Amino acid sequence: MPEPEGFTQRLAKEIRRDVPKDVAHLTDVQLLEATRTSYDFAAYELHITRIPTLVHWVKLDASCDGVLRRNPALVLKIRTAQAPSLAAEDMLSILLAQTNWSN
């Protein structure tokens, strides 16, 4: 797993660059804290170990105020999966597909 401090700093910068409207209400410190919280939850609670999946999860969760980690059904599905990274990727794909269809 990447070293959390440097990794989350880079992710926070990418989030600010990629979705500025979604995080405009957050200071840089708040965004970094949200990014670190999302990273810690994904890596240590959900055991997501595939880096692209971890990045996708953290970016989405941090930019939407932790909605992924606060969803009990989503968390339970990933925690109980034999392959948490694969389950997380499946869930993220479903969320993305739903978002695309609703637009």
C-alpha atoms as a PDB file:
ATOM      1  CA  MET A   1       0.000   0.000   0.000  1.00  0.00           C
ATOM      2  CA  PRO A   2       1.190   3.533  -0.671  1.00  0.00           C
ATOM      3  CA  GLU A   3       2.453   5.641   2.211  1.00  0.00           C
ATOM      4  CA  PRO A   4      -0.740   7.400   3.391  1.00  0.00           C
ATOM      5  CA  GLU A   5       0.611  10.900   4.026  1.00  0.00           C
ATOM      6  CA  GLY A   6       2.052  11.610   0.586  1.00  0.00           C
ATOM      7  CA  PHE A   7      -0.580   9.549  -1.212  1.00  0.00           C
ATOM      8  CA  THR A   8      -3.519  11.400   0.341  1.00  0.00           C
ATOM      9  CA  GLN A   9      -1.906  14.780  -0.322  1.00  0.00           C
ATOM     10  CA  ARG A  10      -1.637  13.940  -4.017  1.00  0.00           C
ATOM     11  CA  LEU A  11      -5.190  12.622  -4.098  1.00  0.00           C
ATOM     12  CA  ALA A  12      -6.534  15.759  -2.401  1.00  0.00           C
ATOM     13  CA  LYS A  13      -4.850  17.895  -5.066  1.00  0.00           C
ATOM     14  CA  GLU A  14      -6.331  15.718  -7.812  1.00  0.00           C
ATOM     15  CA  ILE A  15      -9.785  15.952  -6.258  1.00  0.00           C
ATOM     16  CA  ARG A  16      -9.517  19.752  -6.085  1.00  0.00           C
ATOM     17  CA  ARG A  17      -8.416  19.809  -9.740  1.00  0.00           C
ATOM     18  CA  ASP A  18     -10.934  17.268 -11.071  1.00  0.00           C
ATOM     19  CA  VAL A  19     -14.123  18.235  -9.212  1.00  0.00           C
ATOM     20  CA  PRO A  20     -13.636  21.797  -7.955  1.00  0.00           C
ATOM     21  CA  LYS A  21     -17.374  22.508  -7.693  1.00  0.00           C
ATOM     22  CA  ASP A  22     -17.961  19.482  -5.461  1.00  0.00           C
ATOM     23  CA  VAL A  23     -15.288  20.523  -2.963  1.00  0.00           C
ATOM     24  CA  ALA A  24     -15.441  24.325  -3.251  1.00  0.00           C
ATOM     25  CA  HIS A  25     -16.927  24.547   0.254  1.00  0.00           C
ATOM     26  CA  LEU A  26     -13.879  22.801   1.772  1.00  0.00           C
ATOM     27  CA  THR A  27     -10.599  24.419   2.712  1.00  0.00           C
ATOM     28  CA  ASP A  28      -7.429  22.619   1.653  1.00  0.00           C
ATOM     29  CA  VAL A  29      -7.006  21.322   5.210  1.00  0.00           C
ATOM     30  CA  GLN A  30     -10.591  20.037   5.340  1.00  0.00           C
ATOM     31  CA  LEU A  31     -10.215  18.355   1.960  1.00  0.00           C
ATOM     32  CA  LEU A  32      -6.980  16.709   3.048  1.00  0.00           C
ATOM     33  CA  GLU A  33      -8.673  15.457   6.243  1.00  0.00           C
ATOM     34  CA  ALA A  34     -11.633  14.109   4.242  1.00  0.00           C
ATOM     35  CA  THR A  35      -9.249  12.415   1.824  1.00  0.00           C
ATOM     36  CA  ARG A  36      -7.243  10.825   4.645  1.00  0.00           C
ATOM     37  CA  THR A  37     -10.410   9.649   6.398  1.00  0.00           C
ATOM     38  CA  SER A  38     -11.660   8.069   3.173  1.00  0.00           C
ATOM     39  CA  TYR A  39      -8.273   6.467   2.534  1.00  0.00           C
ATOM     40  CA  ASP A  40      -8.024   5.042   6.052  1.00  0.00           C
ATOM     41  CA  PHE A  41     -11.530   3.626   5.896  1.00  0.00           C
ATOM     42  CA  ALA A  42     -11.033   2.058   2.472  1.00  0.00           C
ATOM     43  CA  ALA A  43      -7.608   0.620   3.212  1.00  0.00           C
ATOM     44  CA  TYR A  44      -7.967  -0.462   6.837  1.00  0.00           C
ATOM     45  CA  GLU A  45     -11.686  -1.074   7.346  1.00  0.00           C
ATOM     46  CA  LEU A  46     -12.699  -2.368   3.922  1.00  0.00           C
ATOM     47  CA  HIS A  47      -9.308  -3.856   3.009  1.00  0.00           C
ATOM     48  CA  ILE A  48      -9.294  -2.428  -0.512  1.00  0.00           C
ATOM     49  CA  THR A  49      -5.787  -3.227  -1.720  1.00  0.00           C
ATOM     50  CA  ARG A  50      -6.008  -2.701  -5.478  1.00  0.00           C
ATOM     51  CA  ILE A  51      -4.539   0.780  -6.032  1.00  0.00           C
ATOM     52  CA  PRO A  52      -6.810   1.946  -8.905  1.00  0.00           C
ATOM     53  CA  THR A  53      -9.876   0.879  -6.906  1.00  0.00           C
ATOM     54  CA  LEU A  54      -8.541   2.569  -3.784  1.00  0.00           C
ATOM     55  CA  VAL A  55      -7.941   5.799  -5.712  1.00  0.00           C
ATOM     56  CA  HIS A  56     -11.415   5.702  -7.267  1.00  0.00           C
ATOM     57  CA  TRP A  57     -13.066   5.010  -3.888  1.00  0.00           C
ATOM     58  CA  VAL A  58     -11.154   7.749  -2.053  1.00  0.00           C
ATOM     59  CA  LYS A  59     -11.786  10.368  -4.724  1.00  0.00           C
ATOM     60  CA  LEU A  60     -15.510   9.663  -4.849  1.00  0.00           C
ATOM     61  CA  ASP A  61     -15.975   9.318  -1.095  1.00  0.00           C
ATOM     62  CA  ALA A  62     -13.949  12.412  -0.197  1.00  0.00           C
ATOM     63  CA  SER A  63     -15.631  14.572  -2.834  1.00  0.00           C
ATOM     64  CA  CYS A  64     -19.148  13.612  -1.710  1.00  0.00           C
ATOM     65  CA  ASP A  65     -18.627  14.133   2.029  1.00  0.00           C
ATOM     66  CA  GLY A  66     -18.162  10.471   2.957  1.00  0.00           C
ATOM     67  CA  VAL A  67     -21.411   9.179   1.527  1.00  0.00           C
ATOM     68  CA  LEU A  68     -19.836   5.859   0.494  1.00  0.00           C
ATOM     69  CA  ARG A  69     -18.430   4.965   3.901  1.00  0.00           C
ATOM     70  CA  ARG A  70     -21.689   6.004   5.603  1.00  0.00           C
ATOM     71  CA  ASN A  71     -23.780   3.639   3.460  1.00  0.00           C
ATOM     72  CA  PRO A  72     -24.229   0.522   5.635  1.00  0.00           C
ATOM     73  CA  ALA A  73     -25.375  -1.759   2.809  1.00  0.00           C
ATOM     74  CA  LEU A  74     -22.415  -0.817   0.638  1.00  0.00           C
ATOM     75  CA  VAL A  75     -19.951  -1.239   3.500  1.00  0.00           C
ATOM     76  CA  LEU A  76     -21.419  -4.609   4.502  1.00  0.00           C
ATOM     77  CA  LYS A  77     -21.267  -5.899   0.921  1.00  0.00           C
ATOM     78  CA  ILE A  78     -17.569  -5.034   0.630  1.00  0.00           C
ATOM     79  CA  ARG A  79     -16.604  -6.181   4.143  1.00  0.00           C
ATOM     80  CA  THR A  80     -18.157  -9.598   3.685  1.00  0.00           C
ATOM     81  CA  ALA A  81     -16.797 -10.199   0.195  1.00  0.00           C
ATOM     82  CA  GLN A  82     -14.062 -12.757  -0.376  1.00  0.00           C
ATOM     83  CA  ALA A  83     -12.323 -10.200  -2.598  1.00  0.00           C
ATOM     84  CA  PRO A  84     -13.000  -6.732  -1.116  1.00  0.00           C
ATOM     85  CA  SER A  85     -11.219  -4.843  -3.896  1.00  0.00           C
ATOM     86  CA  LEU A  86     -13.295  -6.595  -6.547  1.00  0.00           C
ATOM     87  CA  ALA A  87     -16.516  -5.992  -4.618  1.00  0.00           C
ATOM     88  CA  ALA A  88     -15.627  -2.311  -4.215  1.00  0.00           C
ATOM     89  CA  GLU A  89     -14.904  -2.009  -7.935  1.00  0.00           C
ATOM     90  CA  ASP A  90     -18.255  -3.626  -8.728  1.00  0.00           C
ATOM     91  CA  MET A  91     -20.086  -1.223  -6.412  1.00  0.00           C
ATOM     92  CA  LEU A  92     -18.275   1.802  -7.837  1.00  0.00           C
ATOM     93  CA  SER A  93     -19.122   0.667 -11.381  1.00  0.00           C
ATOM     94  CA  ILE A  94     -22.788   0.327 -10.461  1.00  0.00           C
ATOM     95  CA  LEU A  95     -22.825   3.801  -8.909  1.00  0.00           C
ATOM     96  CA  LEU A  96     -21.163   5.284 -11.972  1.00  0.00           C
ATOM     97  CA  ALA A  97     -23.618   3.549 -14.310  1.00  0.00           C
ATOM     98  CA  GLN A  98     -26.592   4.804 -12.276  1.00  0.00           C
ATOM     99  CA  THR A  99     -25.217   8.337 -12.358  1.00  0.00           C
ATOM    100  CA  ASN A 100     -24.699   8.192 -16.121  1.00  0.00           C
ATOM    101  CA  TRP A 101     -28.224   6.888 -16.712  1.00  0.00           C
ATOM    102  CA  SER A 102     -29.806   9.529 -14.477  1.00  0.00           C
ATOM    103  CA  ASN A 103     -28.106  12.370 -16.360  1.00  0.00           C
END
